[in-house]
């Protein structure tokens, strides 16, 4: 009889003891403005995928990119380690 180990791994991968620690949750909370700004930028870019970009779309993307860069700068200044989250293109 062959044992399927991957099934056991998939079942235990989401066990209750695998919850994020308080430090990890604090790190996520600290990065949340940058995460939300990145989502806004992606939303603005997704809008333009199926049609030609208008001037409003270009401005929306530019503003979203500036908000993301500002959020990343503020995060880098708060953490002081110089590590920036990845910025969407």
Protein backbone atom coordinates (compact mmCIF):
# COMPACT_ATOMS: atom_id res chain seq x y z
CA UNK A 1 0.00 0.00 0.00
CA UNK A 2 1.38 3.40 -0.98
CA UNK A 3 1.07 6.25 1.47
CA UNK A 4 0.21 9.66 0.10
CA UNK A 5 2.30 12.05 2.10
CA UNK A 6 1.22 15.19 0.25
CA UNK A 7 -2.35 14.77 1.46
CA UNK A 8 -1.16 14.76 5.06
CA UNK A 9 0.96 17.88 4.40
CA UNK A 10 -2.00 19.67 2.86
CA UNK A 11 -4.20 18.83 5.83
CA UNK A 12 -1.71 19.94 8.48
CA UNK A 13 -0.53 23.03 6.58
CA UNK A 14 -3.55 24.99 7.79
CA UNK A 15 -3.71 23.70 11.34
CA UNK A 16 -4.66 26.03 14.19
CA UNK A 17 -1.09 26.24 15.48
CA UNK A 18 0.01 27.80 12.17
CA UNK A 19 -1.63 31.17 12.92
CA UNK A 20 0.50 34.30 12.46
CA UNK A 21 2.32 35.54 15.52
CA UNK A 22 1.65 38.91 17.10
CA UNK A 23 4.91 40.22 15.61
CA UNK A 24 3.83 39.13 12.13
CA UNK A 25 0.44 40.78 12.55
CA UNK A 26 2.14 43.97 13.75
CA UNK A 27 4.39 43.92 10.67
CA UNK A 28 1.37 43.53 8.40
CA UNK A 29 -0.37 46.40 10.17
CA UNK A 30 2.72 48.55 9.71
CA UNK A 31 2.83 47.77 5.98
CA UNK A 32 -0.93 48.12 5.42
CA UNK A 33 -0.81 51.66 3.90
CA UNK A 34 1.71 50.44 1.32
CA UNK A 35 -0.34 47.31 0.64
CA UNK A 36 -3.52 49.33 0.09
CA UNK A 37 -1.70 51.83 -2.12
CA UNK A 38 -0.36 48.95 -4.21
CA UNK A 39 -3.89 47.55 -4.56
CA UNK A 40 -5.12 50.98 -5.71
CA UNK A 41 -2.37 51.10 -8.33
CA UNK A 42 -3.23 47.62 -9.56
CA UNK A 43 -6.92 48.57 -9.75
CA UNK A 44 -6.07 51.63 -11.83
CA UNK A 45 -3.91 49.54 -14.16
CA UNK A 46 -6.51 46.78 -14.50
CA UNK A 47 -9.14 49.31 -15.58
CA UNK A 48 -7.03 50.16 -18.64
CA UNK A 49 -6.36 46.57 -19.74
CA UNK A 50 -9.38 46.15 -22.01
CA UNK A 51 -9.63 49.64 -23.49
CA UNK A 52 -7.53 52.56 -24.59
CA UNK A 53 -6.28 54.76 -21.77
CA UNK A 54 -7.95 58.13 -21.40
CA UNK A 55 -6.37 61.18 -19.80
CA UNK A 56 -8.35 60.40 -16.64
CA UNK A 57 -6.90 56.88 -16.56
CA UNK A 58 -3.37 58.22 -16.94
CA UNK A 59 -3.92 60.67 -14.09
CA UNK A 60 -5.47 57.95 -11.91
CA UNK A 61 -2.45 55.68 -12.46
CA UNK A 62 -0.02 58.53 -11.84
CA UNK A 63 -1.76 59.49 -8.56
CA UNK A 64 -1.88 55.86 -7.43
CA UNK A 65 1.82 55.44 -8.20
CA UNK A 66 2.66 58.58 -6.20
CA UNK A 67 0.57 57.34 -3.25
CA UNK A 68 2.39 54.02 -3.37
CA UNK A 69 5.80 55.66 -3.47
CA UNK A 70 4.82 57.94 -0.59
CA UNK A 71 3.59 54.99 1.48
CA UNK A 72 6.81 53.07 0.76
CA UNK A 73 8.92 56.08 1.70
CA UNK A 74 7.05 56.53 4.97
CA UNK A 75 7.38 52.82 5.72
CA UNK A 76 11.12 52.95 5.07
CA UNK A 77 11.48 56.00 7.29
CA UNK A 78 9.54 54.32 10.11
CA UNK A 79 11.37 51.01 9.98
CA UNK A 80 14.78 52.60 9.45
CA UNK A 81 16.29 49.49 7.88
CA UNK A 82 16.07 50.73 4.30
CA UNK A 83 14.04 47.73 3.12
CA UNK A 84 11.21 48.73 0.82
CA UNK A 85 8.29 46.56 -0.17
CA UNK A 86 8.22 45.69 -3.85
CA UNK A 87 6.66 48.52 -5.84
CA UNK A 88 4.33 47.60 -8.70
CA UNK A 89 5.47 48.77 -12.13
